[in-house]
C-alpha atoms as a PDB file:
ATOM      1  CA  MET A   1     -35.696  67.708  11.066  1.00  0.00           C
ATOM      2  CA  ASP A   2     -38.278  69.424   8.822  1.00  0.00           C
ATOM      3  CA  HIS A   3     -40.142  67.851   5.971  1.00  0.00           C
ATOM      4  CA  ARG A   4     -37.554  68.856   3.345  1.00  0.00           C
ATOM      5  CA  GLU A   5     -34.634  67.372   5.319  1.00  0.00           C
ATOM      6  CA  ARG A   6     -36.416  64.032   5.725  1.00  0.00           C
ATOM      7  CA  LYS A   7     -37.085  63.970   2.023  1.00  0.00           C
ATOM      8  CA  ARG A   8     -33.400  64.564   1.177  1.00  0.00           C
ATOM      9  CA  SER A   9     -32.350  61.855   3.645  1.00  0.00           C
ATOM     10  CA  ARG A  10     -34.595  59.315   1.956  1.00  0.00           C
ATOM     11  CA  ARG A  11     -33.087  60.169  -1.405  1.00  0.00           C
ATOM     12  CA  ARG A  12     -29.531  59.522  -0.233  1.00  0.00           C
ATOM     13  CA  ARG A  13     -30.175  55.998   1.034  1.00  0.00           C
ATOM     14  CA  PRO A  14     -30.519  54.228  -2.318  1.00  0.00           C
ATOM     15  CA  ARG A  15     -27.082  55.502  -3.354  1.00  0.00           C
ATOM     16  CA  ARG A  16     -25.472  54.128  -0.182  1.00  0.00           C
ATOM     17  CA  ALA A  17     -27.270  50.811  -0.580  1.00  0.00           C
ATOM     18  CA  ALA A  18     -26.098  50.589  -4.191  1.00  0.00           C
ATOM     19  CA  TYR A  19     -22.510  51.294  -3.082  1.00  0.00           C
ATOM     20  CA  ILE A  20     -22.602  48.536  -0.443  1.00  0.00           C
ATOM     21  CA  MET A  21     -24.148  46.116  -2.926  1.00  0.00           C
ATOM     22  CA  GLY A  22     -21.370  46.892  -5.393  1.00  0.00           C
ATOM     23  CA  ILE A  23     -18.719  46.011  -2.784  1.00  0.00           C
ATOM     24  CA  SER A  24     -20.536  42.762  -1.941  1.00  0.00           C
ATOM     25  CA  ILE A  25     -20.714  41.724  -5.574  1.00  0.00           C
ATOM     26  CA  CYS A  26     -16.994  42.443  -6.060  1.00  0.00           C
ATOM     27  CA  PHE A  27     -16.132  40.428  -2.925  1.00  0.00           C
ATOM     28  CA  LEU A  28     -18.200  37.433  -4.079  1.00  0.00           C
ATOM     29  CA  ALA A  29     -16.634  37.582  -7.519  1.00  0.00           C
ATOM     30  CA  ALA A  30     -13.145  37.615  -5.989  1.00  0.00           C
ATOM     31  CA  ALA A  31     -14.000  34.685  -3.689  1.00  0.00           C
ATOM     32  CA  ALA A  32     -15.388  32.738  -6.617  1.00  0.00           C
ATOM     33  CA  GLY A  33     -12.168  33.422  -8.509  1.00  0.00           C
ATOM     34  CA  VAL A  34     -10.025  32.089  -5.639  1.00  0.00           C
ATOM     35  CA  GLY A  35     -12.235  29.020  -5.385  1.00  0.00           C
ATOM     36  CA  THR A  36     -11.897  28.398  -9.096  1.00  0.00           C
ATOM     37  CA  VAL A  37      -8.099  28.500  -8.883  1.00  0.00           C
ATOM     38  CA  THR A  38      -8.072  26.167  -5.850  1.00  0.00           C
ATOM     39  CA  PHE A  39     -10.409  23.576  -7.354  1.00  0.00           C
ATOM     40  CA  ALA A  40      -8.654  23.717 -10.718  1.00  0.00           C
ATOM     41  CA  LYS A  41      -5.411  22.850  -8.974  1.00  0.00           C
ATOM     42  CA  TYR A  42      -6.652  19.763  -7.139  1.00  0.00           C
ATOM     43  CA  LEU A  43      -9.730  18.431  -8.938  1.00  0.00           C
ATOM     44  CA  SER A  44     -10.459  17.217 -12.421  1.00  0.00           C
ATOM     45  CA  GLY A  45     -11.570  19.643 -15.110  1.00  0.00           C
ATOM     46  CA  THR A  46     -14.197  18.236 -17.437  1.00  0.00           C
ATOM     47  CA  GLU A  47     -12.970  20.368 -20.327  1.00  0.00           C
ATOM     48  CA  SER A  48      -9.213  20.090 -19.862  1.00  0.00           C
ATOM     49  CA  GLY A  49      -9.394  16.404 -18.849  1.00  0.00           C
ATOM     50  CA  TRP A  50      -6.612  16.473 -16.241  1.00  0.00           C
ATOM     51  CA  PHE A  51      -6.425  16.200 -12.478  1.00  0.00           C
ATOM     52  CA  GLN A  52      -3.812  16.485  -9.763  1.00  0.00           C
ATOM     53  CA  ILE A  53      -2.834  13.408  -7.705  1.00  0.00           C
ATOM     54  CA  LEU A  54      -1.666  14.351  -4.211  1.00  0.00           C
ATOM     55  CA  PRO A  55       0.739  12.225  -2.079  1.00  0.00           C
ATOM     56  CA  GLU A  56      -1.829  11.584   0.660  1.00  0.00           C
ATOM     57  CA  ASN A  57      -4.220  10.088  -1.911  1.00  0.00           C
ATOM     58  CA  PHE A  58      -1.667   7.913  -3.731  1.00  0.00           C
ATOM     59  CA  TYR A  59      -1.467   4.412  -2.263  1.00  0.00           C
ATOM     60  CA  PHE A  60       1.158   2.112  -3.759  1.00  0.00           C
ATOM     61  CA  THR A  61       2.518  -0.473  -1.324  1.00  0.00           C
ATOM     62  CA  SER A  62       4.072  -3.940  -1.086  1.00  0.00           C
ATOM     63  CA  ASP A  63       4.675  -6.623   1.509  1.00  0.00           C
ATOM     64  CA  LEU A  64       8.428  -6.827   0.786  1.00  0.00           C
ATOM     65  CA  LEU A  65       9.362  -3.717  -1.185  1.00  0.00           C
ATOM     66  CA  LYS A  66       9.756  -0.456   0.733  1.00  0.00           C
ATOM     67  CA  PRO A  67      10.478   3.222  -0.078  1.00  0.00           C
ATOM     68  CA  ARG A  68      13.977   2.554   1.282  1.00  0.00           C
ATOM     69  CA  ALA A  69      15.693  -0.832   1.113  1.00  0.00           C
ATOM     70  CA  GLU A  70      17.071  -0.772   4.645  1.00  0.00           C
ATOM     71  CA  GLU A  71      17.862  -4.473   4.958  1.00  0.00           C
ATOM     72  CA  VAL A  72      18.618  -7.445   2.748  1.00  0.00           C
ATOM     73  CA  ILE A  73      15.858 -10.056   2.533  1.00  0.00           C
ATOM     74  CA  GLU A  74      17.193 -13.591   2.750  1.00  0.00           C
ATOM     75  CA  LEU A  75      15.788 -16.166   0.306  1.00  0.00           C
ATOM     76  CA  TYR A  76      16.495 -19.885   0.487  1.00  0.00           C
ATOM     77  CA  ASN A  77      16.488 -23.070  -1.610  1.00  0.00           C
ATOM     78  CA  TRP A  78      18.298 -21.425  -4.533  1.00  0.00           C
ATOM     79  CA  ASN A  79      19.573 -24.015  -7.002  1.00  0.00           C
ATOM     80  CA  GLN A  80      21.634 -22.801  -9.972  1.00  0.00           C
ATOM     81  CA  GLU A  81      20.641 -25.883 -11.950  1.00  0.00           C
ATOM     82  CA  GLU A  82      17.060 -24.685 -12.360  1.00  0.00           C
ATOM     83  CA  ASP A  83      15.054 -21.478 -12.650  1.00  0.00           C
ATOM     84  CA  TYR A  84      14.643 -19.788  -9.274  1.00  0.00           C
ATOM     85  CA  VAL A  85      11.377 -17.949  -8.677  1.00  0.00           C
ATOM     86  CA  PHE A  86      10.368 -15.619  -5.858  1.00  0.00           C
ATOM     87  CA  PHE A  87       7.465 -13.222  -5.562  1.00  0.00           C
ATOM     88  CA  MET A  88       6.013 -10.268  -3.662  1.00  0.00           C
ATOM     89  CA  ASP A  89       2.689  -8.417  -3.397  1.00  0.00           C
ATOM     90  CA  ILE A  90       2.028  -5.149  -5.225  1.00  0.00           C
ATOM     91  CA  ARG A  91      -0.967  -3.232  -3.826  1.00  0.00           C
ATOM     92  CA  ASN A  92      -3.012  -0.122  -4.465  1.00  0.00           C
ATOM     93  CA  TRP A  93      -4.065   0.154  -0.803  1.00  0.00           C
ATOM     94  CA  LYS A  94      -2.716   0.883   2.656  1.00  0.00           C
ATOM     95  CA  ASP A  95      -5.545  -0.641   4.680  1.00  0.00           C
ATOM     96  CA  ASP A  96      -9.247  -1.475   4.341  1.00  0.00           C
ATOM     97  CA  LEU A  97     -10.280   2.194   4.344  1.00  0.00           C
ATOM     98  CA  ARG A  98      -7.472   3.747   2.315  1.00  0.00           C
ATOM     99  CA  PHE A  99      -7.013   2.671  -1.288  1.00  0.00           C
ATOM    100  CA  ASN A 100      -6.244   4.361  -4.578  1.00  0.00           C
ATOM    101  CA  GLN A 101      -9.111   6.061  -6.376  1.00  0.00           C
ATOM    102  CA  ASN A 102      -7.237   6.299  -9.668  1.00  0.00           C
ATOM    103  CA  ARG A 103      -5.530   3.801 -11.939  1.00  0.00           C
ATOM    104  CA  ILE A 104      -1.795   3.227 -11.414  1.00  0.00           C
ATOM    105  CA  VAL A 105       0.813   2.218 -13.964  1.00  0.00           C
ATOM    106  CA  TYR A 106       4.068   0.763 -12.650  1.00  0.00           C
ATOM    107  CA  SER A 107       7.291  -0.504 -14.189  1.00  0.00           C
ATOM    108  CA  VAL A 108       9.742  -3.090 -12.817  1.00  0.00           C
ATOM    109  CA  GLU A 109      13.546  -2.932 -12.853  1.00  0.00           C
ATOM    110  CA  THR A 110      15.935  -5.667 -11.712  1.00  0.00           C
ATOM    111  CA  ALA A 111      19.665  -5.475 -11.046  1.00  0.00           C
ATOM    112  CA  GLY A 112      22.304  -8.062 -10.219  1.00  0.00           C
ATOM    113  CA  ALA A 113      22.548 -10.033 -13.448  1.00  0.00           C
ATOM    114  CA  ASP A 114      21.374 -10.036 -17.044  1.00  0.00           C
ATOM    115  CA  GLY A 115      18.382 -12.130 -17.974  1.00  0.00           C
ATOM    116  CA  ILE A 116      16.374 -11.765 -14.748  1.00  0.00           C
ATOM    117  CA  ALA A 117      12.708 -11.737 -15.764  1.00  0.00           C
ATOM    118  CA  HIS A 118       9.544 -10.362 -14.196  1.00  0.00           C
ATOM    119  CA  SER A 119       5.836 -11.030 -14.632  1.00  0.00           C
ATOM    120  CA  VAL A 120       2.598 -10.341 -12.775  1.00  0.00           C
ATOM    121  CA  VAL A 121      -0.128 -12.791 -11.786  1.00  0.00           C
ATOM    122  CA  LEU A 122      -3.569 -11.198 -12.201  1.00  0.00           C
ATOM    123  CA  PRO A 123      -6.933 -12.343 -10.802  1.00  0.00           C
ATOM    124  CA  GLY A 124      -7.994 -15.567 -12.458  1.00  0.00           C
ATOM    125  CA  ASN A 125      -4.389 -16.827 -12.408  1.00  0.00           C
ATOM    126  CA  VAL A 126      -3.587 -14.936 -15.603  1.00  0.00           C
ATOM    127  CA  THR A 127       0.123 -14.147 -16.016  1.00  0.00           C
ATOM    128  CA  GLN A 128       1.402 -11.069 -17.841  1.00  0.00           C
ATOM    129  CA  SER A 129       4.999 -10.283 -18.770  1.00  0.00           C
ATOM    130  CA  GLN A 130       5.455  -6.806 -20.217  1.00  0.00           C
ATOM    131  CA  GLU A 131       7.262  -3.489 -19.730  1.00  0.00           C
ATOM    132  CA  SER A 132       4.609  -2.021 -17.417  1.00  0.00           C
ATOM    133  CA  TYR A 133       1.574  -3.168 -15.460  1.00  0.00           C
ATOM    134  CA  GLU A 134      -1.625  -1.555 -14.236  1.00  0.00           C
ATOM    135  CA  LEU A 135      -3.547  -1.479 -10.955  1.00  0.00           C
ATOM    136  CA  PRO A 136      -7.222  -0.427 -11.189  1.00  0.00           C
ATOM    137  CA  GLY A 137      -8.807   2.491  -9.368  1.00  0.00           C
ATOM    138  CA  ASN A 138     -11.696   2.408  -6.883  1.00  0.00           C
ATOM    139  CA  LEU A 139     -11.052  -1.259  -6.088  1.00  0.00           C
ATOM    140  CA  ILE A 140      -8.751  -2.773  -3.443  1.00  0.00           C
ATOM    141  CA  THR A 141      -6.364  -4.902  -5.499  1.00  0.00           C
ATOM    142  CA  THR A 142      -3.265  -7.002  -4.827  1.00  0.00           C
ATOM    143  CA  GLN A 143      -1.136  -8.320  -7.676  1.00  0.00           C
ATOM    144  CA  LYS A 144       1.617 -10.901  -7.374  1.00  0.00           C
ATOM    145  CA  LEU A 145       4.934  -9.759  -8.870  1.00  0.00           C
ATOM    146  CA  VAL A 146       7.038 -12.767  -9.902  1.00  0.00           C
ATOM    147  CA  ILE A 147      10.828 -12.518 -10.318  1.00  0.00           C
ATOM    148  CA  THR A 148      12.628 -15.328 -12.157  1.00  0.00           C
ATOM    149  CA  VAL A 149      16.395 -15.878 -12.017  1.00  0.00           C
ATOM    150  CA  PRO A 150      17.166 -18.193 -14.957  1.00  0.00           C
ATOM    151  CA  ARG A 151      19.043 -21.455 -14.571  1.00  0.00           C
ATOM    152  CA  GLY A 152      22.793 -20.976 -14.637  1.00  0.00           C
ATOM    153  CA  VAL A 153      22.651 -17.248 -13.821  1.00  0.00           C
ATOM    154  CA  THR A 154      24.584 -16.131 -10.730  1.00  0.00           C
ATOM    155  CA  PRO A 155      23.818 -12.561  -9.607  1.00  0.00           C
ATOM    156  CA  VAL A 156      26.660 -10.401  -8.305  1.00  0.00           C
ATOM    157  CA  GLY A 157      27.077 -11.220  -4.620  1.00  0.00           C
ATOM    158  CA  ASN A 158      24.129 -13.618  -5.019  1.00  0.00           C
ATOM    159  CA  GLN A 159      21.867 -10.560  -4.695  1.00  0.00           C
ATOM    160  CA  VAL A 160      18.978  -9.295  -6.807  1.00  0.00           C
ATOM    161  CA  LYS A 161      17.647  -5.757  -6.447  1.00  0.00           C
ATOM    162  CA  VAL A 162      14.038  -5.133  -7.454  1.00  0.00           C
ATOM    163  CA  THR A 163      12.645  -1.624  -7.974  1.00  0.00           C
ATOM    164  CA  VAL A 164       9.104  -0.721  -8.990  1.00  0.00           C
ATOM    165  CA  LYS A 165       8.158   2.799 -10.078  1.00  0.00           C
ATOM    166  CA  ALA A 166       4.530   3.878 -10.084  1.00  0.00           C
ATOM    167  CA  LYS A 167       2.609   6.868 -11.405  1.00  0.00           C
ATOM    168  CA  PRO A 168      -1.048   7.706 -12.103  1.00  0.00           C
ATOM    169  CA  LYS A 169      -2.229   6.364 -15.445  1.00  0.00           C
ATOM    170  CA  ASP A 170      -4.350   9.459 -15.985  1.00  0.00           C
ATOM    171  CA  GLY A 171      -3.592  12.965 -14.825  1.00  0.00           C
ATOM    172  CA  ILE A 172      -0.439  14.359 -13.301  1.00  0.00           C
ATOM    173  CA  GLY A 173       1.126  14.508  -9.877  1.00  0.00           C
ATOM    174  CA  TYR A 174       2.743  12.248  -7.324  1.00  0.00           C
ATOM    175  CA  THR A 175       4.912   9.252  -8.264  1.00  0.00           C
ATOM    176  CA  LYS A 176       6.426   6.627  -5.980  1.00  0.00           C
ATOM    177  CA  SER A 177       9.245   4.054  -6.019  1.00  0.00           C
ATOM    178  CA  LEU A 178       9.581   0.907  -3.906  1.00  0.00           C
ATOM    179  CA  THR A 179      12.680  -1.246  -3.730  1.00  0.00           C
ATOM    180  CA  GLY A 180      14.087  -4.367  -2.113  1.00  0.00           C
ATOM    181  CA  THR A 181      17.343  -6.334  -2.161  1.00  0.00           C
ATOM    182  CA  PHE A 182      17.141 -10.121  -2.034  1.00  0.00           C
ATOM    183  CA  LYS A 183      20.005 -12.492  -1.262  1.00  0.00           C
ATOM    184  CA  LEU A 184      19.826 -15.981  -2.742  1.00  0.00           C
ATOM    185  CA  ASN A 185      20.969 -18.778  -0.430  1.00  0.00           C
ATOM    186  CA  GLU A 186      21.481 -22.404  -1.414  1.00  0.00           C
ATOM    187  CA  GLY A 187      20.671 -23.586   2.114  1.00  0.00           C
ATOM    188  CA  THR A 188      17.156 -24.424   3.201  1.00  0.00           C
ATOM    189  CA  GLU A 189      14.719 -22.755   5.552  1.00  0.00           C
ATOM    190  CA  THR A 190      11.508 -24.594   6.300  1.00  0.00           C
ATOM    191  CA  MET A 191       9.473 -21.686   7.702  1.00  0.00           C
ATOM    192  CA  LYS A 192       8.969 -18.006   6.858  1.00  0.00           C
ATOM    193  CA  SER A 193       6.793 -15.481   8.737  1.00  0.00           C
ATOM    194  CA  GLU A 194       5.942 -11.801   8.532  1.00  0.00           C
ATOM    195  CA  VAL A 195       3.467  -9.296   9.980  1.00  0.00           C
ATOM    196  CA  GLU A 196       0.962  -6.915   8.373  1.00  0.00           C
ATOM    197  CA  VAL A 197      -0.309  -4.120  10.634  1.00  0.00           C
ATOM    198  CA  HIS A 198      -3.757  -2.674   9.929  1.00  0.00           C
ATOM    199  CA  LYS A 199      -5.804  -0.049  11.739  1.00  0.00           C
ATOM    200  CA  ALA A 200      -7.862  -2.404  13.909  1.00  0.00           C
ATOM    201  CA  TYR A 201      -6.091  -5.737  13.504  1.00  0.00           C
ATOM    202  CA  ILE A 202      -2.780  -7.420  12.754  1.00  0.00           C
ATOM    203  CA  ASP A 203      -2.202 -10.336  10.374  1.00  0.00           C
ATOM    204  CA  LEU A 204       0.550 -12.896  10.930  1.00  0.00           C
ATOM    205  CA  LEU A 205       1.519 -14.635   7.684  1.00  0.00           C
ATOM    206  CA  ILE A 206       3.351 -17.965   7.831  1.00  0.00           C
ATOM    207  CA  GLY A 207       4.627 -20.163   5.016  1.00  0.00           C
ATOM    208  CA  VAL A 208       6.337 -23.554   5.269  1.00  0.00           C
ATOM    209  CA  ASP A 209       8.217 -25.845   2.905  1.00  0.00           C
ATOM    210  CA  LYS A 210       7.700 -28.943   5.044  1.00  0.00           C
ATOM    211  CA  GLY A 211       4.529 -30.004   6.840  1.00  0.00           C
ATOM    212  CA  GLN A 212       4.776 -29.201  10.535  1.00  0.00           C
ATOM    213  CA  THR A 213       2.999 -27.988  13.666  1.00  0.00           C
ATOM    214  CA  LEU A 214       3.969 -24.482  14.739  1.00  0.00           C
ATOM    215  CA  HIS A 215       3.702 -23.106  18.263  1.00  0.00           C
ATOM    216  CA  ILE A 216       2.716 -19.436  18.183  1.00  0.00           C
ATOM    217  CA  THR A 217       2.573 -16.821  20.931  1.00  0.00           C
ATOM    218  CA  TRP A 218       1.188 -13.282  20.744  1.00  0.00           C
ATOM    219  CA  PRO A 219       0.932 -10.203  23.020  1.00  0.00           C
ATOM    220  CA  SER A 220      -1.951  -9.972  25.517  1.00  0.00           C
ATOM    221  CA  SER A 221      -3.138  -6.796  23.768  1.00  0.00           C
ATOM    222  CA  LEU A 222      -4.185  -8.934  20.780  1.00  0.00           C
ATOM    223  CA  THR A 223      -7.260 -11.163  20.576  1.00  0.00           C
ATOM    224  CA  PRO A 224      -7.265 -14.054  18.066  1.00  0.00           C
ATOM    225  CA  ASP A 225     -10.019 -14.100  15.446  1.00  0.00           C
ATOM    226  CA  ASN A 226     -11.874 -17.316  16.246  1.00  0.00           C
ATOM    227  CA  THR A 227     -13.637 -17.227  12.870  1.00  0.00           C
ATOM    228  CA  ASN A 228     -10.233 -17.908  11.305  1.00  0.00           C
ATOM    229  CA  LYS A 229     -10.001 -21.657  10.624  1.00  0.00           C
ATOM    230  CA  TRP A 230      -6.523 -21.898  12.168  1.00  0.00           C
ATOM    231  CA  LEU A 231      -7.550 -19.972  15.305  1.00  0.00           C
ATOM    232  CA  LYS A 232     -10.966 -21.517  16.090  1.00  0.00           C
ATOM    233  CA  GLU A 233      -9.756 -22.978  19.376  1.00  0.00           C
ATOM    234  CA  ALA A 234      -7.225 -20.258  20.222  1.00  0.00           C
ATOM    235  CA  VAL A 235      -7.496 -18.620  23.656  1.00  0.00           C
ATOM    236  CA  GLY A 236      -5.125 -16.588  25.797  1.00  0.00           C
ATOM    237  CA  THR A 237      -1.777 -15.755  24.242  1.00  0.00           C
ATOM    238  CA  ALA A 238      -0.585 -19.021  22.686  1.00  0.00           C
ATOM    239  CA  GLY A 239      -1.729 -21.728  20.286  1.00  0.00           C
ATOM    240  CA  ASP A 240      -0.646 -24.354  17.767  1.00  0.00           C
ATOM    241  CA  VAL A 241      -1.157 -24.317  13.992  1.00  0.00           C
ATOM    242  CA  THR A 242      -0.569 -27.318  11.734  1.00  0.00           C
ATOM    243  CA  LEU A 243       0.350 -26.686   8.099  1.00  0.00           C
ATOM    244  CA  GLU A 244       0.834 -29.119   5.242  1.00  0.00           C
ATOM    245  CA  GLU A 245       3.893 -29.251   3.009  1.00  0.00           C
ATOM    246  CA  LYS A 246       4.460 -26.103   0.915  1.00  0.00           C
ATOM    247  CA  SER A 247       1.474 -24.245   2.326  1.00  0.00           C
ATOM    248  CA  SER A 248       0.780 -20.978   4.105  1.00  0.00           C
ATOM    249  CA  CYS A 249      -1.753 -19.310   6.374  1.00  0.00           C
ATOM    250  CA  ARG A 250      -2.919 -15.857   7.407  1.00  0.00           C
ATOM    251  CA  LEU A 251      -3.707 -15.505  11.115  1.00  0.00           C
ATOM    252  CA  ARG A 252      -5.731 -12.459  12.210  1.00  0.00           C
ATOM    253  CA  PHE A 253      -5.551 -10.831  15.635  1.00  0.00           C
ATOM    254  CA  PHE A 254      -7.728  -7.902  16.701  1.00  0.00           C
ATOM    255  CA  ILE A 255      -6.055  -5.026  18.555  1.00  0.00           C
ATOM    256  CA  THR A 256      -7.895  -4.862  21.870  1.00  0.00           C
ATOM    257  CA  GLY A 257      -5.250  -3.158  24.026  1.00  0.00           C
ATOM    258  CA  ASP A 258      -2.162  -0.984  23.879  1.00  0.00           C
ATOM    259  CA  LEU A 259       0.788  -2.492  22.045  1.00  0.00           C
ATOM    260  CA  GLY A 260       4.194  -1.920  23.610  1.00  0.00           C
ATOM    261  CA  ALA A 261       7.351  -1.110  21.661  1.00  0.00           C
ATOM    262  CA  GLY A 262       8.837  -4.523  22.460  1.00  0.00           C
ATOM    263  CA  ASP A 263       5.732  -6.628  21.751  1.00  0.00           C
ATOM    264  CA  THR A 264       6.328  -9.461  19.280  1.00  0.00           C
ATOM    265  CA  PHE A 265       4.896 -12.714  18.002  1.00  0.00           C
ATOM    266  CA  THR A 266       6.963 -15.864  18.282  1.00  0.00           C
ATOM    267  CA  VAL A 267       6.757 -18.818  15.899  1.00  0.00           C
ATOM    268  CA  ASN A 268       8.494 -21.928  17.222  1.00  0.00           C
ATOM    269  CA  GLY A 269      10.434 -19.634  19.517  1.00  0.00           C
ATOM    270  CA  LYS A 270      11.588 -17.286  16.754  1.00  0.00           C
ATOM    271  CA  PRO A 271      10.558 -13.623  17.356  1.00  0.00           C
ATOM    272  CA  VAL A 272       8.490 -11.914  14.651  1.00  0.00           C
ATOM    273  CA  THR A 273       8.576  -8.137  15.131  1.00  0.00           C
ATOM    274  CA  ILE A 274       5.377  -6.081  14.984  1.00  0.00           C
ATOM    275  CA  SER A 275       6.122  -2.888  13.025  1.00  0.00           C
END
């Protein structure tokens, strides 16, 4: 290559470099555009003031109400001569690590008879009775929903259906409904128990109408929390808990092994399913 050819070659290079740079700039602009569309769909916009709530980030749960009311919950000590009250937890969390980041507004519907009332007990023992209620964001919160069947009211089939419908207070997106059917019985039951399953532990909740000592057994894959005042002396897979009249307790067991499909607690010989 002579001197003139090398000179022409050097002149061509800037054009090629400019062409490649132009493609790169167009590619980056297109990528930025895609990113803008994606983020606008799922995140908040400071100018538009809205954001999208996705199902996996929307936690609205209860101890008794479920997405599908698959079974009737039996309630006892119903007396038509006085107001009958029962309650359930309403939560903005699934476990200790998963809770709602945004505020939730929920409404309550009851079916079975006219005149059935609802209210919510807030922290500080403050009671509200209104068309809708609110759960805060960025804070694990449990509210007590209270259902009151007035004196003299007999629901159809002695059953009350409770449905709560929740949606984000701000923004748009996912909504959720929970429901439960409760049967009112005039007979008495002196003990009630249920299980809450968490990621690393399981809580056994027990409530009694009459003071009594309960004999409890649990699977060998669970280890009792000895910092719990009712389980300080608990070892192995069985123990006794004494409760006073009209009281309750929460017993915590750490998951330290593999739980089998048939593993259960028993309370005074009555199985309590882990699910």
